[in-house]
N, C-alpha and C. Protein backbone atom coordinates (compact mmCIF):
# COMPACT_ATOMS: atom_id res chain seq x y z
N UNK A 1 -25.18 263.25 60.43
CA UNK A 1 -25.25 264.68 60.71
C UNK A 1 -25.43 264.84 62.22
N UNK A 2 -24.54 265.62 62.82
CA UNK A 2 -24.67 265.82 64.27
C UNK A 2 -25.66 266.95 64.57
N UNK A 3 -25.96 267.11 65.85
CA UNK A 3 -26.97 268.09 66.26
C UNK A 3 -26.58 269.52 65.90
N UNK A 4 -25.29 269.83 66.00
CA UNK A 4 -24.83 271.19 65.67
C UNK A 4 -25.06 271.49 64.19
N UNK A 5 -24.70 270.55 63.31
CA UNK A 5 -24.91 270.74 61.88
C UNK A 5 -26.40 270.88 61.56
N UNK A 6 -27.19 270.04 62.19
CA UNK A 6 -28.65 270.09 62.00
C UNK A 6 -29.19 271.45 62.40
N UNK A 7 -28.76 271.93 63.57
CA UNK A 7 -29.20 273.23 64.05
C UNK A 7 -28.77 274.35 63.11
N UNK A 8 -27.51 274.34 62.70
CA UNK A 8 -26.99 275.42 61.85
C UNK A 8 -27.68 275.46 60.48
N UNK A 9 -27.89 274.29 59.89
CA UNK A 9 -28.58 274.25 58.59
C UNK A 9 -30.02 274.73 58.72
N UNK A 10 -30.70 274.31 59.78
CA UNK A 10 -32.08 274.74 59.95
C UNK A 10 -32.19 276.20 60.35
N UNK A 11 -31.18 276.72 61.03
CA UNK A 11 -31.16 278.15 61.36
C UNK A 11 -31.13 278.98 60.08
N UNK A 12 -30.29 278.59 59.14
CA UNK A 12 -30.22 279.30 57.85
C UNK A 12 -31.57 279.20 57.13
N UNK A 13 -32.11 278.00 57.08
CA UNK A 13 -33.38 277.80 56.36
C UNK A 13 -34.54 278.57 56.99
N UNK A 14 -34.64 278.55 58.31
CA UNK A 14 -35.75 279.27 58.94
C UNK A 14 -35.59 280.78 58.81
N UNK A 15 -34.35 281.25 58.85
CA UNK A 15 -34.11 282.69 58.64
C UNK A 15 -34.53 283.09 57.23
N UNK A 16 -34.13 282.29 56.25
CA UNK A 16 -34.48 282.60 54.87
C UNK A 16 -35.98 282.47 54.62
N UNK A 17 -36.63 281.51 55.25
CA UNK A 17 -38.08 281.39 55.10
C UNK A 17 -38.79 282.58 55.73
N UNK A 18 -38.30 283.02 56.87
CA UNK A 18 -38.89 284.21 57.51
C UNK A 18 -38.77 285.43 56.60
N UNK A 19 -37.62 285.60 55.98
CA UNK A 19 -37.43 286.72 55.04
C UNK A 19 -38.39 286.59 53.86
N UNK A 20 -38.52 285.37 53.36
CA UNK A 20 -39.41 285.14 52.22
C UNK A 20 -40.85 285.51 52.58
N UNK A 21 -41.29 285.09 53.76
CA UNK A 21 -42.66 285.39 54.19
C UNK A 21 -42.86 286.90 54.36
N UNK A 22 -41.85 287.59 54.87
CA UNK A 22 -41.95 289.05 55.00
C UNK A 22 -42.10 289.73 53.64
N UNK A 23 -41.41 289.17 52.64
CA UNK A 23 -41.49 289.73 51.29
C UNK A 23 -42.74 289.28 50.54
N UNK A 24 -43.35 288.18 50.99
CA UNK A 24 -44.54 287.62 50.34
C UNK A 24 -45.61 287.34 51.39
N UNK A 25 -46.25 288.38 51.92
CA UNK A 25 -47.22 288.19 53.01
C UNK A 25 -48.39 287.28 52.64
N UNK A 26 -48.66 287.10 51.35
CA UNK A 26 -49.75 286.21 50.95
C UNK A 26 -49.45 284.77 51.36
N UNK A 27 -48.18 284.43 51.49
CA UNK A 27 -47.80 283.09 51.94
C UNK A 27 -48.19 282.91 53.41
N UNK A 28 -47.94 283.90 54.21
CA UNK A 28 -48.29 283.83 55.63
C UNK A 28 -49.78 283.63 55.82
N UNK A 29 -50.57 284.23 54.96
CA UNK A 29 -52.03 284.10 55.07
C UNK A 29 -52.51 282.68 54.82
N UNK A 30 -51.69 281.86 54.16
CA UNK A 30 -52.07 280.48 53.84
C UNK A 30 -51.64 279.49 54.92
N UNK A 31 -50.92 279.97 55.93
CA UNK A 31 -50.40 279.08 56.98
C UNK A 31 -51.30 279.20 58.21
N UNK A 32 -51.93 278.10 58.62
CA UNK A 32 -52.75 278.14 59.84
C UNK A 32 -51.91 278.52 61.05
N UNK A 33 -52.53 279.23 61.98
CA UNK A 33 -51.82 279.77 63.14
C UNK A 33 -51.10 278.69 63.96
N UNK A 34 -51.72 277.53 64.10
CA UNK A 34 -51.14 276.49 64.96
C UNK A 34 -50.36 275.43 64.18
N UNK A 35 -50.02 275.71 62.94
CA UNK A 35 -49.36 274.72 62.08
C UNK A 35 -47.90 274.50 62.48
N UNK A 36 -47.44 273.31 62.21
CA UNK A 36 -46.02 273.03 62.32
C UNK A 36 -45.46 273.17 60.90
N UNK A 37 -44.39 273.92 60.78
CA UNK A 37 -43.79 274.19 59.47
C UNK A 37 -42.51 273.36 59.35
N UNK A 38 -42.42 272.60 58.26
CA UNK A 38 -41.28 271.73 58.03
C UNK A 38 -40.61 272.16 56.73
N UNK A 39 -39.36 272.57 56.83
CA UNK A 39 -38.63 273.01 55.63
C UNK A 39 -37.82 271.83 55.10
N UNK A 40 -38.04 271.54 53.82
CA UNK A 40 -37.43 270.38 53.19
C UNK A 40 -36.53 270.82 52.03
N UNK A 41 -35.23 270.95 52.28
CA UNK A 41 -34.31 271.36 51.22
C UNK A 41 -34.02 270.19 50.29
N UNK A 42 -34.50 270.27 49.07
CA UNK A 42 -34.37 269.16 48.13
C UNK A 42 -32.91 268.87 47.76
N UNK A 43 -32.02 269.79 48.04
CA UNK A 43 -30.60 269.60 47.75
C UNK A 43 -29.86 268.89 48.89
N UNK A 44 -30.57 268.56 49.99
CA UNK A 44 -29.95 267.91 51.14
C UNK A 44 -30.91 266.86 51.69
N UNK A 45 -30.87 265.67 51.10
CA UNK A 45 -31.82 264.62 51.48
C UNK A 45 -31.67 264.15 52.92
N UNK A 46 -30.47 264.21 53.47
CA UNK A 46 -30.29 263.84 54.88
C UNK A 46 -31.05 264.80 55.78
N UNK A 47 -31.01 266.07 55.45
CA UNK A 47 -31.73 267.07 56.24
C UNK A 47 -33.24 266.90 56.07
N UNK A 48 -33.68 266.55 54.88
CA UNK A 48 -35.11 266.28 54.65
C UNK A 48 -35.59 265.18 55.59
N UNK A 49 -34.83 264.09 55.63
CA UNK A 49 -35.19 262.94 56.48
C UNK A 49 -35.23 263.36 57.94
N UNK A 50 -34.21 264.09 58.39
CA UNK A 50 -34.16 264.52 59.80
C UNK A 50 -35.30 265.47 60.14
N UNK A 51 -35.58 266.43 59.27
CA UNK A 51 -36.65 267.40 59.54
C UNK A 51 -38.01 266.73 59.59
N UNK A 52 -38.25 265.77 58.70
CA UNK A 52 -39.53 265.04 58.73
C UNK A 52 -39.64 264.20 60.00
N UNK A 53 -38.54 263.58 60.39
CA UNK A 53 -38.54 262.77 61.60
C UNK A 53 -38.86 263.63 62.83
N UNK A 54 -38.19 264.78 62.94
CA UNK A 54 -38.44 265.68 64.07
C UNK A 54 -39.87 266.19 64.07
N UNK A 55 -40.38 266.53 62.89
CA UNK A 55 -41.74 267.06 62.80
C UNK A 55 -42.76 266.02 63.24
N UNK A 56 -42.57 264.79 62.82
CA UNK A 56 -43.51 263.73 63.21
C UNK A 56 -43.50 263.49 64.71
N UNK A 57 -42.33 263.62 65.33
CA UNK A 57 -42.23 263.43 66.78
C UNK A 57 -42.88 264.58 67.55
N UNK A 58 -42.78 265.80 67.03
CA UNK A 58 -43.26 266.98 67.75
C UNK A 58 -44.68 267.40 67.40
N UNK A 59 -45.20 266.87 66.32
CA UNK A 59 -46.54 267.26 65.87
C UNK A 59 -47.61 266.77 66.83
N UNK A 60 -48.51 267.66 67.19
CA UNK A 60 -49.62 267.31 68.06
C UNK A 60 -50.75 266.70 67.23
N UNK A 61 -51.62 265.98 67.89
CA UNK A 61 -52.74 265.35 67.21
C UNK A 61 -53.58 266.40 66.49
N UNK A 62 -53.88 266.15 65.23
CA UNK A 62 -54.68 267.02 64.37
C UNK A 62 -54.04 268.37 64.08
N UNK A 63 -52.78 268.54 64.41
CA UNK A 63 -52.09 269.80 64.11
C UNK A 63 -51.78 269.86 62.62
N UNK A 64 -52.14 270.95 61.96
CA UNK A 64 -51.80 271.08 60.54
C UNK A 64 -50.28 271.09 60.34
N UNK A 65 -49.85 270.48 59.25
CA UNK A 65 -48.42 270.46 58.93
C UNK A 65 -48.23 271.11 57.56
N UNK A 66 -47.34 272.08 57.51
CA UNK A 66 -47.01 272.77 56.26
C UNK A 66 -45.62 272.31 55.83
N UNK A 67 -45.53 271.79 54.61
CA UNK A 67 -44.24 271.40 54.06
C UNK A 67 -43.76 272.49 53.12
N UNK A 68 -42.56 272.97 53.36
CA UNK A 68 -41.95 274.00 52.51
C UNK A 68 -40.80 273.33 51.78
N UNK A 69 -40.99 273.07 50.50
CA UNK A 69 -39.96 272.41 49.70
C UNK A 69 -39.09 273.49 49.05
N UNK A 70 -37.79 273.36 49.25
CA UNK A 70 -36.84 274.36 48.75
C UNK A 70 -35.93 273.69 47.72
N UNK A 71 -35.92 274.23 46.51
CA UNK A 71 -35.07 273.68 45.44
C UNK A 71 -33.59 273.93 45.74
N UNK A 72 -33.29 275.18 46.11
CA UNK A 72 -31.90 275.55 46.39
C UNK A 72 -31.90 276.90 47.12
N UNK A 73 -30.74 277.28 47.60
CA UNK A 73 -30.54 278.60 48.19
C UNK A 73 -29.71 279.43 47.22
N UNK A 74 -30.09 280.67 47.05
CA UNK A 74 -29.30 281.59 46.24
C UNK A 74 -28.01 281.91 46.99
N UNK A 75 -26.98 282.34 46.30
CA UNK A 75 -25.74 282.71 46.99
C UNK A 75 -25.99 283.78 48.05
N UNK A 76 -25.27 283.67 49.14
CA UNK A 76 -25.42 284.65 50.23
C UNK A 76 -24.98 286.02 49.76
N UNK A 77 -25.69 287.03 50.22
CA UNK A 77 -25.32 288.41 49.89
C UNK A 77 -24.53 288.99 51.04
N UNK A 78 -23.79 290.01 50.72
CA UNK A 78 -23.06 290.73 51.76
C UNK A 78 -24.02 291.64 52.50
N UNK A 79 -23.59 292.12 53.63
CA UNK A 79 -24.40 293.05 54.41
C UNK A 79 -24.65 294.33 53.61
N UNK A 80 -25.79 294.94 53.84
CA UNK A 80 -26.10 296.21 53.17
C UNK A 80 -25.65 297.41 54.00
N UNK A 81 -25.06 297.15 55.18
CA UNK A 81 -24.58 298.25 56.00
C UNK A 81 -23.37 298.90 55.33
N UNK A 82 -23.31 300.23 55.41
CA UNK A 82 -22.19 300.95 54.82
C UNK A 82 -21.36 301.56 55.94
N UNK A 83 -20.13 301.13 56.06
CA UNK A 83 -19.17 301.62 57.05
C UNK A 83 -19.78 301.78 58.45
N UNK A 84 -20.31 300.73 59.03
CA UNK A 84 -20.85 300.87 60.38
C UNK A 84 -19.74 301.06 61.41
N UNK A 85 -20.06 301.75 62.48
CA UNK A 85 -19.14 301.95 63.58
C UNK A 85 -19.68 301.17 64.77
N UNK A 86 -18.85 300.35 65.37
CA UNK A 86 -19.25 299.56 66.52
C UNK A 86 -18.49 300.09 67.72
N UNK A 87 -19.23 300.55 68.75
CA UNK A 87 -18.60 301.16 69.92
C UNK A 87 -19.00 300.44 71.19
N UNK A 88 -18.04 300.22 72.06
CA UNK A 88 -18.33 299.67 73.38
C UNK A 88 -18.61 300.84 74.30
N UNK A 89 -19.81 300.89 74.87
CA UNK A 89 -20.20 302.01 75.72
C UNK A 89 -19.80 301.73 77.17
N UNK A 90 -20.04 300.52 77.65
CA UNK A 90 -19.63 300.18 79.02
C UNK A 90 -19.34 298.70 79.09
N UNK A 91 -18.50 298.36 80.04
CA UNK A 91 -18.13 296.95 80.18
C UNK A 91 -18.86 296.33 81.35
């Protein structure tokens, strides 16, 4: 897995985790402020290995580590915007 693939997969996962936390604020209350959060998608073992490797390298001494295990991702939804208009105001 190259760096671009790693970045793109983790971008999706962190975005989805952020949405989940916004919908479930009780989860945020369980995460220490200085924790390192590691998302482990069980459907992608290569990404699990890479994310754990990166976390171990970046984790500070005595820093709490939160593991977020993800079984799968639900199918992507379409945008909820209805007929948006995009205008260029100035160049």
